[in-house]
Amino acid sequence: MTLVGDVQHRTAIIVDDLADTCGTVVKAAEKLKEAGAKKVYAVMTHGVFSGPALQRLMDSPIEAIVVSNTIPQHEKIAVCPKIQVIDISSIVGEAIRRTHNGEKY
């Protein structure tokens, strides 16, 4: 894994589509902290969090990981309070409505 750019004394945000076992995101966070990042956050579309994911997150330098509510997270939040969930139901509902009505953006 290669870091491009200067993160020293800055807050870093990792953006990805999926958090499964969290090996890659934790490795990226560790790399950012080693390079001097002040804080590291992660934002993922889907939080699968399988296998060792929750323990990896708890042991990692990630301050918080934000995921959408495409997958229920209640039980996982109880184990890993670093997980934060945002509701995307209104966005999905609006996309369905516009598609159904043949509307553009």
C-alpha atoms as a PDB file:
ATOM      1  CA  MET A   1       0.000   0.000   0.000  1.00  0.00           C
ATOM      2  CA  THR A   2       1.363   3.394  -1.002  1.00  0.00           C
ATOM      3  CA  LEU A   3       0.353   6.713   0.475  1.00  0.00           C
ATOM      4  CA  VAL A   4       0.391   9.682  -1.881  1.00  0.00           C
ATOM      5  CA  GLY A   5       0.481  13.167  -0.390  1.00  0.00           C
ATOM      6  CA  ASP A   6       1.174  14.804   2.938  1.00  0.00           C
ATOM      7  CA  VAL A   7      -1.188  13.986   5.810  1.00  0.00           C
ATOM      8  CA  GLN A   8       0.959  15.224   8.663  1.00  0.00           C
ATOM      9  CA  HIS A   9      -1.118  17.126  11.265  1.00  0.00           C
ATOM     10  CA  ARG A  10      -4.282  16.597   9.202  1.00  0.00           C
ATOM     11  CA  THR A  11      -7.502  14.657   9.595  1.00  0.00           C
ATOM     12  CA  ALA A  12      -7.704  11.828   7.046  1.00  0.00           C
ATOM     13  CA  ILE A  13     -10.919  10.328   5.686  1.00  0.00           C
ATOM     14  CA  ILE A  14     -10.863   6.932   3.996  1.00  0.00           C
ATOM     15  CA  VAL A  15     -13.731   6.407   1.526  1.00  0.00           C
ATOM     16  CA  ASP A  16     -14.662   3.000   0.117  1.00  0.00           C
ATOM     17  CA  ASP A  17     -17.701   1.065  -1.032  1.00  0.00           C
ATOM     18  CA  LEU A  18     -17.556  -1.878   1.357  1.00  0.00           C
ATOM     19  CA  ALA A  19     -16.222  -2.777   4.799  1.00  0.00           C
ATOM     20  CA  ASP A  20     -16.091  -6.558   5.109  1.00  0.00           C
ATOM     21  CA  THR A  21     -13.257  -7.960   7.241  1.00  0.00           C
ATOM     22  CA  CYS A  22     -11.754  -4.437   7.535  1.00  0.00           C
ATOM     23  CA  GLY A  23      -8.199  -5.603   6.891  1.00  0.00           C
ATOM     24  CA  THR A  24      -7.585  -3.067   4.125  1.00  0.00           C
ATOM     25  CA  VAL A  25      -9.184  -0.095   5.838  1.00  0.00           C
ATOM     26  CA  VAL A  26      -7.273  -0.774   9.068  1.00  0.00           C
ATOM     27  CA  LYS A  27      -4.020  -1.129   7.148  1.00  0.00           C
ATOM     28  CA  ALA A  28      -4.725   2.191   5.407  1.00  0.00           C
ATOM     29  CA  ALA A  29      -5.513   3.865   8.740  1.00  0.00           C
ATOM     30  CA  GLU A  30      -2.284   2.584  10.272  1.00  0.00           C
ATOM     31  CA  LYS A  31      -0.332   3.876   7.273  1.00  0.00           C
ATOM     32  CA  LEU A  32      -1.975   7.298   7.626  1.00  0.00           C
ATOM     33  CA  LYS A  33      -1.185   7.496  11.354  1.00  0.00           C
ATOM     34  CA  GLU A  34       2.428   6.447  10.703  1.00  0.00           C
ATOM     35  CA  ALA A  35       2.628   9.304   8.181  1.00  0.00           C
ATOM     36  CA  GLY A  36       1.504  11.772  10.846  1.00  0.00           C
ATOM     37  CA  ALA A  37      -2.256  12.045  10.373  1.00  0.00           C
ATOM     38  CA  LYS A  38      -3.867  13.636  13.418  1.00  0.00           C
ATOM     39  CA  LYS A  39      -7.094  11.610  13.172  1.00  0.00           C
ATOM     40  CA  VAL A  40      -8.437   8.967  10.788  1.00  0.00           C
ATOM     41  CA  TYR A  41     -12.083   8.399   9.901  1.00  0.00           C
ATOM     42  CA  ALA A  42     -13.612   5.911   7.456  1.00  0.00           C
ATOM     43  CA  VAL A  43     -16.774   6.227   5.371  1.00  0.00           C
ATOM     44  CA  MET A  44     -18.159   3.129   3.653  1.00  0.00           C
ATOM     45  CA  THR A  45     -21.379   2.539   1.729  1.00  0.00           C
ATOM     46  CA  HIS A  46     -22.007  -0.975   3.039  1.00  0.00           C
ATOM     47  CA  GLY A  47     -20.859  -2.265   6.426  1.00  0.00           C
ATOM     48  CA  VAL A  48     -20.712  -6.063   6.198  1.00  0.00           C
ATOM     49  CA  PHE A  49     -18.280  -6.434   9.142  1.00  0.00           C
ATOM     50  CA  SER A  50     -17.612 -10.168   8.918  1.00  0.00           C
ATOM     51  CA  GLY A  51     -15.100 -12.361  10.741  1.00  0.00           C
ATOM     52  CA  PRO A  52     -12.488 -10.339  12.651  1.00  0.00           C
ATOM     53  CA  ALA A  53     -13.772  -6.949  11.436  1.00  0.00           C
ATOM     54  CA  LEU A  54     -15.157  -5.613  14.708  1.00  0.00           C
ATOM     55  CA  GLN A  55     -12.067  -6.498  16.721  1.00  0.00           C
ATOM     56  CA  ARG A  56      -9.823  -5.052  14.024  1.00  0.00           C
ATOM     57  CA  LEU A  57     -11.762  -1.791  14.138  1.00  0.00           C
ATOM     58  CA  MET A  58     -11.627  -1.623  17.930  1.00  0.00           C
ATOM     59  CA  ASP A  59      -7.854  -2.182  17.868  1.00  0.00           C
ATOM     60  CA  SER A  60      -7.291   0.284  15.018  1.00  0.00           C
ATOM     61  CA  PRO A  61      -6.479   4.012  15.025  1.00  0.00           C
ATOM     62  CA  ILE A  62      -9.794   4.708  13.260  1.00  0.00           C
ATOM     63  CA  GLU A  63     -11.793   7.234  15.298  1.00  0.00           C
ATOM     64  CA  ALA A  64     -15.137   6.304  13.688  1.00  0.00           C
ATOM     65  CA  ILE A  65     -16.422   4.370  10.707  1.00  0.00           C
ATOM     66  CA  VAL A  66     -19.596   5.690   9.089  1.00  0.00           C
ATOM     67  CA  VAL A  67     -21.762   3.320   7.046  1.00  0.00           C
ATOM     68  CA  SER A  68     -25.187   3.522   5.449  1.00  0.00           C
ATOM     69  CA  ASN A  69     -28.149   1.578   6.759  1.00  0.00           C
ATOM     70  CA  THR A  70     -28.213  -0.815   3.787  1.00  0.00           C
ATOM     71  CA  ILE A  71     -27.334  -3.539   6.310  1.00  0.00           C
ATOM     72  CA  PRO A  72     -28.713  -3.539   9.898  1.00  0.00           C
ATOM     73  CA  GLN A  73     -25.971  -2.639  12.398  1.00  0.00           C
ATOM     74  CA  HIS A  74     -27.660  -2.687  15.841  1.00  0.00           C
ATOM     75  CA  GLU A  75     -25.850  -5.788  17.135  1.00  0.00           C
ATOM     76  CA  LYS A  76     -22.497  -4.724  15.692  1.00  0.00           C
ATOM     77  CA  ILE A  77     -22.700  -1.235  17.207  1.00  0.00           C
ATOM     78  CA  ALA A  78     -23.128  -2.863  20.626  1.00  0.00           C
ATOM     79  CA  VAL A  79     -19.756  -4.597  20.127  1.00  0.00           C
ATOM     80  CA  CYS A  80     -17.988  -1.760  18.297  1.00  0.00           C
ATOM     81  CA  PRO A  81     -19.105   1.755  19.249  1.00  0.00           C
ATOM     82  CA  LYS A  82     -16.852   3.201  16.519  1.00  0.00           C
ATOM     83  CA  ILE A  83     -19.595   2.311  13.999  1.00  0.00           C
ATOM     84  CA  GLN A  84     -21.956   5.147  13.093  1.00  0.00           C
ATOM     85  CA  VAL A  85     -24.901   4.704  10.727  1.00  0.00           C
ATOM     86  CA  ILE A  86     -26.547   7.197   8.389  1.00  0.00           C
ATOM     87  CA  ASP A  87     -30.032   6.660   6.999  1.00  0.00           C
ATOM     88  CA  ILE A  88     -30.236   6.650   3.209  1.00  0.00           C
ATOM     89  CA  SER A  89     -33.895   5.615   2.906  1.00  0.00           C
ATOM     90  CA  SER A  90     -35.057   9.028   1.663  1.00  0.00           C
ATOM     91  CA  ILE A  91     -32.379   9.065  -1.051  1.00  0.00           C
ATOM     92  CA  VAL A  92     -33.264   5.550  -2.220  1.00  0.00           C
ATOM     93  CA  GLY A  93     -36.986   6.339  -2.089  1.00  0.00           C
ATOM     94  CA  GLU A  94     -36.492   9.476  -4.169  1.00  0.00           C
ATOM     95  CA  ALA A  95     -34.440   7.546  -6.736  1.00  0.00           C
ATOM     96  CA  ILE A  96     -37.197   4.924  -7.016  1.00  0.00           C
ATOM     97  CA  ARG A  97     -39.878   7.629  -7.373  1.00  0.00           C
ATOM     98  CA  ARG A  98     -37.969   9.456 -10.109  1.00  0.00           C
ATOM     99  CA  THR A  99     -37.222   6.242 -11.974  1.00  0.00           C
ATOM    100  CA  HIS A 100     -40.849   5.139 -11.761  1.00  0.00           C
ATOM    101  CA  ASN A 101     -42.061   8.526 -13.031  1.00  0.00           C
ATOM    102  CA  GLY A 102     -39.443   8.728 -15.764  1.00  0.00           C
ATOM    103  CA  GLU A 103     -37.932  11.881 -14.261  1.00  0.00           C
ATOM    104  CA  LYS A 104     -34.357  13.007 -14.686  1.00  0.00           C
ATOM    105  CA  TYR A 105     -32.004  14.170 -11.964  1.00  0.00           C
END
